[in-house]
C-alpha cells in the first residue's frame, strides 16, 4: 500500500478539508512525526507548504524560490532574484539550503566566450516524492530511537 496517496495533490497545492486518511497512513506505514509537524499537517486545509515546513523548516523565501522553480525550467540566479524580489546573495543562500536538502538541483554551465554560471531547477514529481518519503522514514527512525531511549530511562 502506498503511504502517500495524497502527496500528489499537495504538490499541486490542493487544500484538504479532511486529512485524517493521510495522517493515518503516515502513522501506519511510517509511525509518527514530531508533535509540531503533526499539528501542522493535521490541521484543516493543509497544503504542500505544511509538509515541507514540517520536514525541512523552510521559510517564506525558500517557498518562493521553490515554487518559482516548480515548472521545472532552468533558471539562473539573476532570474530567480528578480522573481522573488530579493537580492542575489539572499537568494543564493536559500538556493544552497534547498539544494543541500535535495529539493532543488543545480548545474554549472559554461559560457562559450569563457566563464561559468549556475542554473537551478526543481525536481520532477517522482524525484520530489522519493525525497519526501526518505525524509519521513528518516524522521520516523529518529523518533523510534528517541522512544527506545525514553523507555530505557523508565
N, C-alpha and C. Protein backbone atom coordinates (compact mmCIF):
# COMPACT_ATOMS: atom_id res chain seq x y z
N UNK A 1 0.85 -1.20 0.00
CA UNK A 1 0.00 0.00 0.00
C UNK A 1 0.88 1.24 0.00
N UNK A 2 0.53 2.21 -0.78
CA UNK A 2 1.28 3.44 -0.88
C UNK A 2 0.95 4.33 0.31
N UNK A 3 1.97 4.81 0.99
CA UNK A 3 1.77 5.64 2.17
C UNK A 3 1.49 7.09 1.82
N UNK A 4 1.65 7.48 0.55
CA UNK A 4 1.47 8.86 0.16
C UNK A 4 0.44 9.02 -0.94
N UNK A 5 -0.78 8.57 -0.74
CA UNK A 5 -1.78 8.68 -1.79
C UNK A 5 -2.20 10.11 -2.09
N UNK A 6 -1.94 11.03 -1.18
CA UNK A 6 -2.41 12.40 -1.39
C UNK A 6 -1.29 13.40 -1.60
N UNK A 7 -0.03 12.96 -1.59
CA UNK A 7 1.07 13.90 -1.76
C UNK A 7 1.02 14.55 -3.14
N UNK A 8 0.58 13.81 -4.14
CA UNK A 8 0.48 14.39 -5.49
C UNK A 8 -0.41 15.61 -5.47
N UNK A 9 -1.51 15.55 -4.73
CA UNK A 9 -2.39 16.72 -4.65
C UNK A 9 -1.76 17.85 -3.85
N UNK A 10 -0.98 17.51 -2.81
CA UNK A 10 -0.27 18.55 -2.05
C UNK A 10 0.72 19.25 -2.95
N UNK A 11 1.43 18.48 -3.76
CA UNK A 11 2.42 19.04 -4.66
C UNK A 11 1.77 20.06 -5.59
N UNK A 12 0.55 19.80 -5.98
CA UNK A 12 -0.18 20.72 -6.87
C UNK A 12 -0.84 21.87 -6.10
N UNK A 13 -0.68 21.91 -4.77
CA UNK A 13 -1.24 22.99 -3.97
C UNK A 13 -2.67 22.78 -3.55
N UNK A 14 -3.21 21.59 -3.74
CA UNK A 14 -4.59 21.30 -3.36
C UNK A 14 -4.74 21.41 -1.85
N UNK A 15 -5.82 21.99 -1.40
CA UNK A 15 -6.09 22.13 0.03
C UNK A 15 -7.05 21.03 0.47
N UNK A 16 -6.76 20.41 1.59
CA UNK A 16 -7.57 19.30 2.07
C UNK A 16 -8.49 19.75 3.19
N UNK A 17 -9.75 19.31 3.12
CA UNK A 17 -10.68 19.57 4.20
C UNK A 17 -10.53 18.51 5.30
N UNK A 18 -10.24 17.29 4.91
CA UNK A 18 -10.06 16.22 5.88
C UNK A 18 -8.78 15.48 5.54
N UNK A 19 -7.82 15.57 6.43
CA UNK A 19 -6.53 14.97 6.16
C UNK A 19 -6.30 13.71 6.98
N UNK A 20 -7.35 13.23 7.63
CA UNK A 20 -7.18 12.10 8.55
C UNK A 20 -6.65 10.86 7.85
N UNK A 21 -7.06 10.59 6.61
CA UNK A 21 -6.54 9.41 5.91
C UNK A 21 -5.04 9.51 5.69
N UNK A 22 -4.56 10.70 5.40
CA UNK A 22 -3.12 10.87 5.22
C UNK A 22 -2.38 10.65 6.53
N UNK A 23 -2.86 11.24 7.61
CA UNK A 23 -2.16 11.06 8.89
C UNK A 23 -2.22 9.62 9.36
N UNK A 24 -3.36 8.94 9.13
CA UNK A 24 -3.45 7.52 9.47
C UNK A 24 -2.44 6.71 8.66
N UNK A 25 -2.34 7.03 7.39
CA UNK A 25 -1.41 6.32 6.53
C UNK A 25 0.03 6.55 6.99
N UNK A 26 0.36 7.79 7.34
CA UNK A 26 1.70 8.06 7.86
C UNK A 26 1.96 7.27 9.13
N UNK A 27 0.98 7.24 10.02
CA UNK A 27 1.16 6.53 11.28
C UNK A 27 1.32 5.03 11.05
N UNK A 28 0.48 4.46 10.19
CA UNK A 28 0.53 3.01 9.94
C UNK A 28 1.84 2.61 9.28
N UNK A 29 2.28 3.39 8.28
CA UNK A 29 3.42 2.98 7.49
C UNK A 29 4.74 3.54 7.97
N UNK A 30 4.72 4.70 8.56
CA UNK A 30 5.98 5.34 8.94
C UNK A 30 6.01 5.76 10.40
N UNK A 31 5.01 5.42 11.17
CA UNK A 31 4.99 5.83 12.56
C UNK A 31 4.38 7.20 12.68
N UNK A 32 5.12 8.15 13.18
CA UNK A 32 4.59 9.45 13.51
C UNK A 32 5.66 10.49 13.28
N UNK A 33 5.26 11.71 13.13
CA UNK A 33 6.20 12.82 13.01
C UNK A 33 6.25 13.52 14.36
N UNK A 34 7.08 14.53 14.47
CA UNK A 34 7.14 15.27 15.72
C UNK A 34 5.80 15.93 15.99
N UNK A 35 5.56 16.30 17.22
CA UNK A 35 4.27 16.91 17.57
C UNK A 35 4.05 18.19 16.78
N UNK A 36 5.07 19.01 16.64
CA UNK A 36 4.91 20.24 15.86
C UNK A 36 4.51 19.88 14.44
N UNK A 37 5.17 18.91 13.86
CA UNK A 37 4.85 18.52 12.50
C UNK A 37 3.44 17.97 12.40
N UNK A 38 3.06 17.11 13.34
CA UNK A 38 1.73 16.53 13.31
C UNK A 38 0.67 17.62 13.44
N UNK A 39 0.93 18.60 14.30
CA UNK A 39 -0.01 19.70 14.43
C UNK A 39 -0.14 20.47 13.13
N UNK A 40 0.97 20.67 12.45
CA UNK A 40 0.92 21.43 11.20
C UNK A 40 0.20 20.66 10.10
N UNK A 41 0.52 19.38 9.93
CA UNK A 41 -0.07 18.67 8.80
C UNK A 41 -1.46 18.14 9.07
N UNK A 42 -1.88 18.10 10.33
CA UNK A 42 -3.20 17.56 10.61
C UNK A 42 -4.29 18.63 10.69
N UNK A 43 -3.91 19.89 10.58
CA UNK A 43 -4.95 20.91 10.62
C UNK A 43 -5.69 20.95 9.29
N UNK A 44 -6.88 21.49 9.34
CA UNK A 44 -7.69 21.55 8.12
C UNK A 44 -7.03 22.43 7.08
N UNK A 45 -7.27 22.08 5.83
CA UNK A 45 -6.76 22.82 4.67
C UNK A 45 -5.24 22.86 4.61
N UNK A 46 -4.59 21.79 5.06
CA UNK A 46 -3.13 21.70 4.96
C UNK A 46 -2.74 21.62 3.49
N UNK A 47 -1.56 22.14 3.18
CA UNK A 47 -1.08 22.15 1.80
C UNK A 47 0.37 21.67 1.76
N UNK A 48 0.93 21.70 0.59
CA UNK A 48 2.31 21.25 0.38
C UNK A 48 3.28 22.00 1.30
N UNK A 49 3.05 23.29 1.49
CA UNK A 49 3.91 24.08 2.37
C UNK A 49 4.00 23.48 3.76
N UNK A 50 2.89 22.94 4.26
CA UNK A 50 2.87 22.38 5.60
C UNK A 50 3.77 21.14 5.69
N UNK A 51 3.71 20.29 4.69
CA UNK A 51 4.56 19.11 4.67
C UNK A 51 6.03 19.51 4.58
N UNK A 52 6.35 20.43 3.69
CA UNK A 52 7.73 20.89 3.55
C UNK A 52 8.22 21.58 4.81
N UNK A 53 7.35 22.37 5.42
CA UNK A 53 7.71 23.06 6.64
C UNK A 53 8.00 22.07 7.77
N UNK A 54 7.17 21.05 7.88
CA UNK A 54 7.37 20.04 8.92
C UNK A 54 8.68 19.31 8.75
N UNK A 55 9.00 18.95 7.54
CA UNK A 55 10.17 18.12 7.30
C UNK A 55 11.47 18.90 7.18
N UNK A 56 11.39 20.15 6.70
CA UNK A 56 12.61 20.88 6.37
C UNK A 56 12.74 22.27 7.00
N UNK A 57 11.75 22.75 7.71
CA UNK A 57 11.80 24.09 8.32
C UNK A 57 12.09 25.17 7.29
N UNK A 58 11.34 25.16 6.21
CA UNK A 58 11.54 26.16 5.17
C UNK A 58 10.92 27.49 5.58
N UNK A 59 11.51 28.58 5.12
CA UNK A 59 10.96 29.90 5.40
C UNK A 59 10.27 30.46 4.16
N UNK A 60 9.75 31.65 4.27
CA UNK A 60 8.97 32.26 3.18
C UNK A 60 9.77 32.39 1.89
N UNK A 61 11.02 32.80 2.00
CA UNK A 61 11.84 32.95 0.79
C UNK A 61 12.13 31.59 0.16
N UNK A 62 12.37 30.59 1.01
CA UNK A 62 12.57 29.23 0.49
C UNK A 62 11.37 28.80 -0.35
N UNK A 63 10.17 29.04 0.18
CA UNK A 63 8.95 28.66 -0.56
C UNK A 63 8.85 29.40 -1.88
N UNK A 64 9.11 30.71 -1.86
CA UNK A 64 9.01 31.49 -3.09
C UNK A 64 9.96 30.95 -4.15
N UNK A 65 11.17 30.64 -3.74
CA UNK A 65 12.16 30.10 -4.69
C UNK A 65 11.72 28.72 -5.16
N UNK A 66 11.32 27.88 -4.23
CA UNK A 66 10.89 26.52 -4.56
C UNK A 66 9.76 26.54 -5.59
N UNK A 67 8.75 27.38 -5.36
CA UNK A 67 7.62 27.43 -6.28
C UNK A 67 7.94 28.18 -7.57
N UNK A 68 8.92 29.07 -7.56
CA UNK A 68 9.36 29.71 -8.82
C UNK A 68 9.96 28.68 -9.76
N UNK A 69 10.59 27.68 -9.17
CA UNK A 69 11.21 26.63 -9.98
C UNK A 69 10.26 25.48 -10.29
N UNK A 70 9.04 25.58 -9.83
CA UNK A 70 8.10 24.47 -9.91
C UNK A 70 7.79 24.02 -11.32
N UNK A 71 7.95 24.87 -12.32
CA UNK A 71 7.65 24.47 -13.69
C UNK A 71 8.78 23.67 -14.33
N UNK A 72 9.82 23.41 -13.58
CA UNK A 72 10.97 22.58 -13.98
C UNK A 72 11.82 23.18 -15.10
N UNK A 73 11.61 24.43 -15.42
CA UNK A 73 12.53 25.03 -16.38
C UNK A 73 13.73 25.55 -15.61
N UNK A 74 14.88 25.54 -16.25
CA UNK A 74 16.09 26.00 -15.59
C UNK A 74 16.07 27.52 -15.49
N UNK A 75 16.54 28.02 -14.34
CA UNK A 75 16.60 29.46 -14.13
C UNK A 75 17.95 29.82 -13.52
N UNK A 76 18.41 31.00 -13.86
CA UNK A 76 19.67 31.48 -13.31
C UNK A 76 19.39 32.19 -11.97
N UNK A 77 20.46 32.46 -11.26
CA UNK A 77 20.36 33.18 -10.00
C UNK A 77 19.72 34.55 -10.21
N UNK A 78 20.11 35.25 -11.28
CA UNK A 78 19.54 36.57 -11.56
C UNK A 78 18.03 36.49 -11.82
N UNK A 79 17.61 35.50 -12.60
CA UNK A 79 16.18 35.33 -12.88
C UNK A 79 15.40 35.08 -11.59
N UNK A 80 15.92 34.21 -10.77
CA UNK A 80 15.22 33.91 -9.51
C UNK A 80 15.18 35.11 -8.58
N UNK A 81 16.28 35.83 -8.49
CA UNK A 81 16.33 37.02 -7.62
C UNK A 81 15.27 38.04 -8.06
N UNK A 82 15.12 38.21 -9.36
CA UNK A 82 14.10 39.14 -9.85
C UNK A 82 12.69 38.63 -9.55
N UNK A 83 12.45 37.33 -9.73
CA UNK A 83 11.12 36.78 -9.50
C UNK A 83 10.70 36.86 -8.04
N UNK A 84 11.61 36.58 -7.12
CA UNK A 84 11.22 36.58 -5.70
C UNK A 84 11.49 37.93 -5.03
N UNK A 85 12.03 38.88 -5.83
CA UNK A 85 12.25 40.25 -5.36
C UNK A 85 13.15 40.32 -4.12
N UNK A 86 14.27 39.61 -4.23
CA UNK A 86 15.29 39.60 -3.18
C UNK A 86 16.65 39.76 -3.86
N UNK A 87 17.66 40.16 -3.07
CA UNK A 87 18.98 40.32 -3.68
C UNK A 87 19.62 38.96 -3.96
N UNK A 88 20.61 38.98 -4.83
CA UNK A 88 21.25 37.73 -5.28
C UNK A 88 21.86 36.94 -4.12
N UNK A 89 22.48 37.62 -3.17
CA UNK A 89 23.13 36.93 -2.06
C UNK A 89 22.12 36.16 -1.23
N UNK A 90 21.00 36.78 -0.92
CA UNK A 90 19.95 36.12 -0.15
C UNK A 90 19.40 34.91 -0.91
N UNK A 91 19.11 35.11 -2.18
CA UNK A 91 18.56 34.03 -2.99
C UNK A 91 19.57 32.89 -3.09
N UNK A 92 20.84 33.21 -3.26
CA UNK A 92 21.86 32.17 -3.37
C UNK A 92 21.95 31.35 -2.08
N UNK A 93 21.91 32.01 -0.94
CA UNK A 93 21.95 31.28 0.34
C UNK A 93 20.76 30.33 0.46
N UNK A 94 19.60 30.80 0.08
CA UNK A 94 18.40 29.96 0.14
C UNK A 94 18.48 28.81 -0.87
N UNK A 95 19.02 29.08 -2.05
CA UNK A 95 19.21 28.02 -3.04
C UNK A 95 20.20 26.97 -2.55
N UNK A 96 21.24 27.40 -1.86
CA UNK A 96 22.20 26.45 -1.28
C UNK A 96 21.49 25.55 -0.28
N UNK A 97 20.64 26.14 0.55
CA UNK A 97 19.88 25.35 1.53
C UNK A 97 18.98 24.34 0.82
N UNK A 98 18.20 24.82 -0.15
CA UNK A 98 17.28 23.94 -0.87
C UNK A 98 18.03 22.83 -1.62
N UNK A 99 19.16 23.17 -2.17
CA UNK A 99 19.98 22.19 -2.88
C UNK A 99 20.56 21.15 -1.92
N UNK A 100 21.04 21.60 -0.77
CA UNK A 100 21.61 20.66 0.21
C UNK A 100 20.53 19.74 0.79
N UNK A 101 19.29 20.20 0.82
CA UNK A 101 18.18 19.37 1.30
C UNK A 101 17.70 18.41 0.22
N UNK A 102 18.16 18.61 -0.99
CA UNK A 102 17.76 17.74 -2.10
C UNK A 102 16.46 18.15 -2.77
N UNK A 103 16.00 19.38 -2.52
CA UNK A 103 14.74 19.85 -3.08
C UNK A 103 14.91 20.60 -4.40
N UNK A 104 16.13 21.01 -4.69
CA UNK A 104 16.44 21.77 -5.91
C UNK A 104 17.75 21.20 -6.47
N UNK A 105 17.84 21.16 -7.79
CA UNK A 105 19.08 20.73 -8.43
C UNK A 105 19.78 21.94 -9.02
N UNK A 106 21.11 21.92 -8.94
CA UNK A 106 21.89 22.99 -9.56
C UNK A 106 22.93 22.38 -10.48
N UNK A 107 23.19 23.08 -11.58
CA UNK A 107 24.17 22.63 -12.56
C UNK A 107 25.02 23.81 -13.01
N UNK A 108 26.28 23.53 -13.25
CA UNK A 108 27.20 24.54 -13.75
C UNK A 108 27.15 24.52 -15.27
N UNK A 109 27.03 25.69 -15.88
CA UNK A 109 27.02 25.84 -17.33
C UNK A 109 28.22 26.69 -17.75
N UNK A 110 28.74 26.40 -18.91
CA UNK A 110 29.87 27.15 -19.45
C UNK A 110 29.39 28.17 -20.47
N UNK A 111 30.01 29.32 -20.47
CA UNK A 111 29.75 30.36 -21.45
C UNK A 111 30.77 30.18 -22.57
N UNK A 112 30.32 30.23 -23.83
CA UNK A 112 31.21 29.99 -24.97
C UNK A 112 32.43 30.89 -24.98
N UNK A 113 32.25 32.14 -24.56
CA UNK A 113 33.35 33.10 -24.59
C UNK A 113 34.23 33.00 -23.34
N UNK A 114 33.90 32.08 -22.46
CA UNK A 114 34.66 31.90 -21.22
C UNK A 114 33.82 32.22 -20.01
N UNK A 115 34.04 31.51 -18.95
CA UNK A 115 33.31 31.73 -17.71
C UNK A 115 32.27 30.65 -17.48
N UNK A 116 31.67 30.72 -16.33
CA UNK A 116 30.66 29.74 -15.95
C UNK A 116 29.53 30.42 -15.20
N UNK A 117 28.39 29.76 -15.15
CA UNK A 117 27.27 30.24 -14.35
C UNK A 117 26.45 29.04 -13.90
N UNK A 118 25.66 29.23 -12.86
CA UNK A 118 24.82 28.17 -12.32
C UNK A 118 23.39 28.32 -12.82
N UNK A 119 22.75 27.19 -13.07
CA UNK A 119 21.32 27.17 -13.33
C UNK A 119 20.69 26.23 -12.30
N UNK A 120 19.47 26.54 -11.95
CA UNK A 120 18.75 25.78 -10.94
C UNK A 120 17.43 25.29 -11.53
N UNK A 121 16.99 24.12 -11.05
CA UNK A 121 15.69 23.60 -11.47
C UNK A 121 15.11 22.77 -10.34
N UNK A 122 13.80 22.61 -10.41
CA UNK A 122 13.12 21.80 -9.41
C UNK A 122 13.22 20.34 -9.77
N UNK A 123 12.91 19.49 -8.83
CA UNK A 123 12.84 18.06 -9.08
C UNK A 123 11.54 17.75 -9.80
N UNK A 124 11.53 16.68 -10.59
CA UNK A 124 10.24 16.27 -11.13
C UNK A 124 9.46 15.61 -9.99
N UNK A 125 8.18 15.36 -10.22
CA UNK A 125 7.32 14.90 -9.14
C UNK A 125 7.83 13.61 -8.50
N UNK A 126 8.25 12.63 -9.30
CA UNK A 126 8.71 11.36 -8.74
C UNK A 126 9.96 11.54 -7.90
N UNK A 127 10.88 12.40 -8.33
CA UNK A 127 12.08 12.68 -7.54
C UNK A 127 11.70 13.34 -6.22
N UNK A 128 10.81 14.32 -6.27
CA UNK A 128 10.37 15.00 -5.06
C UNK A 128 9.69 14.03 -4.10
N UNK A 129 8.85 13.21 -4.63
CA UNK A 129 8.15 12.22 -3.81
C UNK A 129 9.15 11.30 -3.11
N UNK A 130 10.17 10.83 -3.84
CA UNK A 130 11.18 9.96 -3.25
C UNK A 130 11.94 10.67 -2.13
N UNK A 131 12.29 11.93 -2.36
CA UNK A 131 12.99 12.71 -1.34
C UNK A 131 12.12 12.86 -0.09
N UNK A 132 10.84 13.18 -0.29
CA UNK A 132 9.93 13.35 0.85
C UNK A 132 9.72 12.03 1.60
N UNK A 133 9.55 10.95 0.88
CA UNK A 133 9.37 9.65 1.54
C UNK A 133 10.60 9.26 2.35
N UNK A 134 11.79 9.51 1.80
CA UNK A 134 13.03 9.20 2.52
C UNK A 134 13.13 10.03 3.79
N UNK A 135 12.75 11.30 3.70
CA UNK A 135 12.81 12.18 4.89
C UNK A 135 11.82 11.74 5.96
N UNK A 136 10.64 11.30 5.55
CA UNK A 136 9.65 10.81 6.51
C UNK A 136 10.18 9.55 7.20
N UNK A 137 10.79 8.63 6.42
CA UNK A 137 11.37 7.42 7.02
C UNK A 137 12.49 7.76 8.00
N UNK A 138 13.35 8.70 7.61
CA UNK A 138 14.44 9.13 8.48
C UNK A 138 13.90 9.72 9.78
N UNK A 139 12.88 10.56 9.65
CA UNK A 139 12.27 11.17 10.84
C UNK A 139 11.66 10.11 11.74
N UNK A 140 10.97 9.15 11.15
CA UNK A 140 10.37 8.06 11.91
C UNK A 140 11.43 7.25 12.65
N UNK A 141 12.52 6.92 11.96
CA UNK A 141 13.60 6.15 12.60
C UNK A 141 14.22 6.91 13.76
N UNK A 142 14.43 8.21 13.58
CA UNK A 142 14.98 9.04 14.66
C UNK A 142 14.04 9.09 15.86
N UNK A 143 12.75 9.23 15.60
CA UNK A 143 11.78 9.27 16.69
C UNK A 143 11.68 7.91 17.38
N UNK A 144 11.75 6.83 16.63
CA UNK A 144 11.74 5.49 17.24
C UNK A 144 12.94 5.32 18.16
N UNK A 145 14.10 5.77 17.74
CA UNK A 145 15.30 5.69 18.57
C UNK A 145 15.14 6.51 19.84
N UNK A 146 14.54 7.68 19.71
CA UNK A 146 14.30 8.52 20.89
C UNK A 146 13.34 7.83 21.85
N UNK A 147 12.30 7.20 21.31
CA UNK A 147 11.35 6.48 22.17
C UNK A 147 12.00 5.31 22.89
N UNK A 148 12.89 4.60 22.20
CA UNK A 148 13.60 3.49 22.86
C UNK A 148 14.44 4.01 24.01
N UNK A 149 15.15 5.13 23.79
CA UNK A 149 15.95 5.72 24.86
C UNK A 149 15.06 6.17 26.01
N UNK A 150 13.92 6.74 25.66
CA UNK A 150 12.97 7.20 26.68
C UNK A 150 12.49 6.01 27.50
N UNK A 151 12.14 4.92 26.82
CA UNK A 151 11.65 3.70 27.50
C UNK A 151 12.71 3.11 28.42
N UNK A 152 13.96 3.16 27.96
CA UNK A 152 15.06 2.62 28.77
C UNK A 152 15.27 3.44 30.04
N UNK A 153 14.91 4.72 29.98
CA UNK A 153 15.08 5.60 31.14
C UNK A 153 14.07 5.36 32.23
N UNK A 154 12.96 4.67 31.94
CA UNK A 154 11.94 4.42 32.94
C UNK A 154 12.02 3.05 33.50
